[in-house]
Amino acid sequence: MASASLCLAGSDAYTFSEYEKMFGNAGFVKTTLHPVPNMPQQVLLSEK
C-alpha cells in the first residue's frame, strides 16, 4: 500500500532539488511539484 505526504512549498527557503533530497532521505521515493490554480503557491507531493 502506498502512502503520501503533502507539503505546501510557499517559500523560497529550499529548492525543489533540496526538497527531493530531504524527502528521499526520509524514505519517500517520488516527489512531484504541482501548481495551485490562481495562486502563487505550489504543492509538493511525495510518495512512500
PDB file of N, CA and C in Angstrom:
ATOM      1  N   MET A   1       0.852  -1.176   0.000  1.00  0.00           N
ATOM      2  CA  MET A   1       0.000   0.000   0.000  1.00  0.00           C
ATOM      3  C   MET A   1       0.898   1.240   0.000  1.00  0.00           C
ATOM      4  N   ALA A   2       0.549   2.198  -0.823  1.00  0.00           N
ATOM      5  CA  ALA A   2       1.325   3.441  -0.905  1.00  0.00           C
ATOM      6  C   ALA A   2       0.788   4.458   0.092  1.00  0.00           C
ATOM      7  N   SER A   3       1.674   5.272   0.588  1.00  0.00           N
ATOM      8  CA  SER A   3       1.253   6.372   1.444  1.00  0.00           C
ATOM      9  C   SER A   3       1.809   7.656   0.852  1.00  0.00           C
ATOM     10  N   ALA A   4       1.258   8.784   1.246  1.00  0.00           N
ATOM     11  CA  ALA A   4       1.696  10.054   0.670  1.00  0.00           C
ATOM     12  C   ALA A   4       1.793  11.112   1.753  1.00  0.00           C
ATOM     13  N   SER A   5       2.639  12.079   1.510  1.00  0.00           N
ATOM     14  CA  SER A   5       2.781  13.229   2.392  1.00  0.00           C
ATOM     15  C   SER A   5       2.635  14.476   1.551  1.00  0.00           C
ATOM     16  N   LEU A   6       1.882  15.432   2.034  1.00  0.00           N
ATOM     17  CA  LEU A   6       1.632  16.656   1.293  1.00  0.00           C
ATOM     18  C   LEU A   6       2.290  17.822   2.004  1.00  0.00           C
ATOM     19  N   CYS A   7       2.987  18.661   1.258  1.00  0.00           N
ATOM     20  CA  CYS A   7       3.703  19.786   1.846  1.00  0.00           C
ATOM     21  C   CYS A   7       3.518  21.002   0.964  1.00  0.00           C
ATOM     22  N   LEU A   8       3.063  22.110   1.536  1.00  0.00           N
ATOM     23  CA  LEU A   8       2.989  23.352   0.776  1.00  0.00           C
ATOM     24  C   LEU A   8       4.363  23.991   0.753  1.00  0.00           C
ATOM     25  N   ALA A   9       4.839  24.261  -0.406  1.00  0.00           N
ATOM     26  CA  ALA A   9       6.165  24.870  -0.562  1.00  0.00           C
ATOM     27  C   ALA A   9       5.979  26.315  -0.996  1.00  0.00           C
ATOM     28  N   GLY A  10       5.524  27.132  -0.091  1.00  0.00           N
ATOM     29  CA  GLY A  10       5.203  28.508  -0.424  1.00  0.00           C
ATOM     30  C   GLY A  10       6.347  29.486  -0.246  1.00  0.00           C
ATOM     31  N   SER A  11       7.474  29.018   0.233  1.00  0.00           N
ATOM     32  CA  SER A  11       8.591  29.931   0.433  1.00  0.00           C
ATOM     33  C   SER A  11       9.764  29.519  -0.440  1.00  0.00           C
ATOM     34  N   ASP A  12      10.741  30.367  -0.523  1.00  0.00           N
ATOM     35  CA  ASP A  12      11.936  30.074  -1.299  1.00  0.00           C
ATOM     36  C   ASP A  12      13.070  29.580  -0.398  1.00  0.00           C
ATOM     37  N   ALA A  13      12.721  29.021   0.745  1.00  0.00           N
ATOM     38  CA  ALA A  13      13.738  28.580   1.688  1.00  0.00           C
ATOM     39  C   ALA A  13      14.568  27.430   1.116  1.00  0.00           C
ATOM     40  N   TYR A  14      13.947  26.544   0.341  1.00  0.00           N
ATOM     41  CA  TYR A  14      14.633  25.400  -0.247  1.00  0.00           C
ATOM     42  C   TYR A  14      14.263  25.285  -1.719  1.00  0.00           C
ATOM     43  N   THR A  15      15.175  24.729  -2.509  1.00  0.00           N
ATOM     44  CA  THR A  15      14.877  24.456  -3.907  1.00  0.00           C
ATOM     45  C   THR A  15      14.143  23.120  -4.003  1.00  0.00           C
ATOM     46  N   PHE A  16      13.535  22.864  -5.164  1.00  0.00           N
ATOM     47  CA  PHE A  16      12.859  21.586  -5.367  1.00  0.00           C
ATOM     48  C   PHE A  16      13.847  20.430  -5.190  1.00  0.00           C
ATOM     49  N   SER A  17      15.058  20.587  -5.699  1.00  0.00           N
ATOM     50  CA  SER A  17      16.077  19.535  -5.560  1.00  0.00           C
ATOM     51  C   SER A  17      16.396  19.255  -4.101  1.00  0.00           C
ATOM     52  N   GLU A  18      16.446  20.305  -3.296  1.00  0.00           N
ATOM     53  CA  GLU A  18      16.718  20.118  -1.863  1.00  0.00           C
ATOM     54  C   GLU A  18      15.561  19.386  -1.176  1.00  0.00           C
ATOM     55  N   TYR A  19      14.316  19.755  -1.546  1.00  0.00           N
ATOM     56  CA  TYR A  19      13.165  19.024  -1.004  1.00  0.00           C
ATOM     57  C   TYR A  19      13.217  17.565  -1.429  1.00  0.00           C
ATOM     58  N   GLU A  20      13.523  17.298  -2.706  1.00  0.00           N
ATOM     59  CA  GLU A  20      13.622  15.919  -3.180  1.00  0.00           C
ATOM     60  C   GLU A  20      14.627  15.123  -2.365  1.00  0.00           C
ATOM     61  N   LYS A  21      15.770  15.728  -2.091  1.00  0.00           N
ATOM     62  CA  LYS A  21      16.806  15.046  -1.313  1.00  0.00           C
ATOM     63  C   LYS A  21      16.336  14.784   0.118  1.00  0.00           C
ATOM     64  N   MET A  22      15.711  15.791   0.744  1.00  0.00           N
ATOM     65  CA  MET A  22      15.219  15.614   2.119  1.00  0.00           C
ATOM     66  C   MET A  22      14.165  14.515   2.184  1.00  0.00           C
ATOM     67  N   PHE A  23      13.208  14.543   1.240  1.00  0.00           N
ATOM     68  CA  PHE A  23      12.166  13.523   1.232  1.00  0.00           C
ATOM     69  C   PHE A  23      12.758  12.150   0.929  1.00  0.00           C
ATOM     70  N   GLY A  24      13.745  12.094   0.023  1.00  0.00           N
ATOM     71  CA  GLY A  24      14.408  10.836  -0.277  1.00  0.00           C
ATOM     72  C   GLY A  24      15.109  10.269   0.952  1.00  0.00           C
ATOM     73  N   ASN A  25      15.782  11.133   1.701  1.00  0.00           N
ATOM     74  CA  ASN A  25      16.444  10.697   2.939  1.00  0.00           C
ATOM     75  C   ASN A  25      15.446  10.190   3.972  1.00  0.00           C
ATOM     76  N   ALA A  26      14.201  10.676   3.885  1.00  0.00           N
ATOM     77  CA  ALA A  26      13.155  10.251   4.818  1.00  0.00           C
ATOM     78  C   ALA A  26      12.408   9.015   4.310  1.00  0.00           C
ATOM     79  N   GLY A  27      12.826   8.485   3.152  1.00  0.00           N
ATOM     80  CA  GLY A  27      12.224   7.256   2.657  1.00  0.00           C
ATOM     81  C   GLY A  27      11.181   7.436   1.575  1.00  0.00           C
ATOM     82  N   PHE A  28      10.960   8.655   1.115  1.00  0.00           N
ATOM     83  CA  PHE A  28       9.997   8.885   0.049  1.00  0.00           C
ATOM     84  C   PHE A  28      10.682   8.626  -1.286  1.00  0.00           C
ATOM     85  N   VAL A  29       9.983   7.954  -2.209  1.00  0.00           N
ATOM     86  CA  VAL A  29      10.614   7.519  -3.450  1.00  0.00           C
ATOM     87  C   VAL A  29      10.325   8.414  -4.644  1.00  0.00           C
ATOM     88  N   LYS A  30       9.280   9.218  -4.579  1.00  0.00           N
ATOM     89  CA  LYS A  30       8.919  10.066  -5.715  1.00  0.00           C
ATOM     90  C   LYS A  30       8.338  11.376  -5.193  1.00  0.00           C
ATOM     91  N   THR A  31       8.856  12.494  -5.679  1.00  0.00           N
ATOM     92  CA  THR A  31       8.347  13.814  -5.303  1.00  0.00           C
ATOM     93  C   THR A  31       8.016  14.575  -6.576  1.00  0.00           C
ATOM     94  N   THR A  32       6.806  15.139  -6.620  1.00  0.00           N
ATOM     95  CA  THR A  32       6.386  15.921  -7.784  1.00  0.00           C
ATOM     96  C   THR A  32       5.912  17.293  -7.330  1.00  0.00           C
ATOM     97  N   LEU A  33       6.043  18.264  -8.218  1.00  0.00           N
ATOM     98  CA  LEU A  33       5.679  19.657  -7.945  1.00  0.00           C
ATOM     99  C   LEU A  33       4.432  20.002  -8.751  1.00  0.00           C
ATOM    100  N   HIS A  34       3.432  20.586  -8.091  1.00  0.00           N
ATOM    101  CA  HIS A  34       2.161  20.898  -8.745  1.00  0.00           C
ATOM    102  C   HIS A  34       1.777  22.355  -8.484  1.00  0.00           C
ATOM    103  N   PRO A  35       1.455  23.114  -9.542  1.00  0.00           N
ATOM    104  CA  PRO A  35       0.994  24.488  -9.340  1.00  0.00           C
ATOM    105  C   PRO A  35      -0.422  24.497  -8.755  1.00  0.00           C
ATOM    106  N   VAL A  36      -0.749  25.529  -7.999  1.00  0.00           N
ATOM    107  CA  VAL A  36      -2.090  25.716  -7.460  1.00  0.00           C
ATOM    108  C   VAL A  36      -2.767  26.769  -8.340  1.00  0.00           C
ATOM    109  N   PRO A  37      -3.876  26.425  -9.002  1.00  0.00           N
ATOM    110  CA  PRO A  37      -4.524  27.378  -9.903  1.00  0.00           C
ATOM    111  C   PRO A  37      -4.854  28.702  -9.207  1.00  0.00           C
ATOM    112  N   ASN A  38      -4.532  29.779  -9.871  1.00  0.00           N
ATOM    113  CA  ASN A  38      -4.835  31.139  -9.407  1.00  0.00           C
ATOM    114  C   ASN A  38      -4.162  31.509  -8.083  1.00  0.00           C
ATOM    115  N   MET A  39      -3.092  30.811  -7.740  1.00  0.00           N
ATOM    116  CA  MET A  39      -2.363  31.086  -6.502  1.00  0.00           C
ATOM    117  C   MET A  39      -0.870  31.077  -6.807  1.00  0.00           C
ATOM    118  N   PRO A  40      -0.076  31.820  -6.038  1.00  0.00           N
ATOM    119  CA  PRO A  40       1.369  31.798  -6.271  1.00  0.00           C
ATOM    120  C   PRO A  40       2.067  30.560  -5.674  1.00  0.00           C
ATOM    121  N   GLN A  41       1.367  29.811  -4.829  1.00  0.00           N
ATOM    122  CA  GLN A  41       1.960  28.655  -4.169  1.00  0.00           C
ATOM    123  C   GLN A  41       2.016  27.461  -5.115  1.00  0.00           C
ATOM    124  N   GLN A  42       2.873  26.525  -4.745  1.00  0.00           N
ATOM    125  CA  GLN A  42       2.963  25.232  -5.399  1.00  0.00           C
ATOM    126  C   GLN A  42       2.884  24.165  -4.329  1.00  0.00           C
ATOM    127  N   VAL A  43       2.464  22.981  -4.726  1.00  0.00           N
ATOM    128  CA  VAL A  43       2.328  21.874  -3.787  1.00  0.00           C
ATOM    129  C   VAL A  43       3.341  20.794  -4.158  1.00  0.00           C
ATOM    130  N   LEU A  44       4.040  20.301  -3.156  1.00  0.00           N
ATOM    131  CA  LEU A  44       4.926  19.151  -3.346  1.00  0.00           C
ATOM    132  C   LEU A  44       4.181  17.916  -2.853  1.00  0.00           C
ATOM    133  N   LEU A  45       4.191  16.867  -3.671  1.00  0.00           N
ATOM    134  CA  LEU A  45       3.573  15.602  -3.285  1.00  0.00           C
ATOM    135  C   LEU A  45       4.667  14.547  -3.293  1.00  0.00           C
ATOM    136  N   SER A  46       4.888  13.924  -2.142  1.00  0.00           N
ATOM    137  CA  SER A  46       5.904  12.877  -2.028  1.00  0.00           C
ATOM    138  C   SER A  46       5.233  11.560  -1.686  1.00  0.00           C
ATOM    139  N   GLU A  47       5.667  10.520  -2.378  1.00  0.00           N
ATOM    140  CA  GLU A  47       5.074   9.186  -2.196  1.00  0.00           C
ATOM    141  C   GLU A  47       6.082   8.250  -1.558  1.00  0.00           C
ATOM    142  N   LYS A  48       5.591   7.431  -0.649  1.00  0.00           N
ATOM    143  CA  LYS A  48       6.428   6.433   0.005  1.00  0.00           C
ATOM    144  C   LYS A  48       6.120   5.075  -0.539  1.00  0.00           C
TER     145      LYS A  48
END
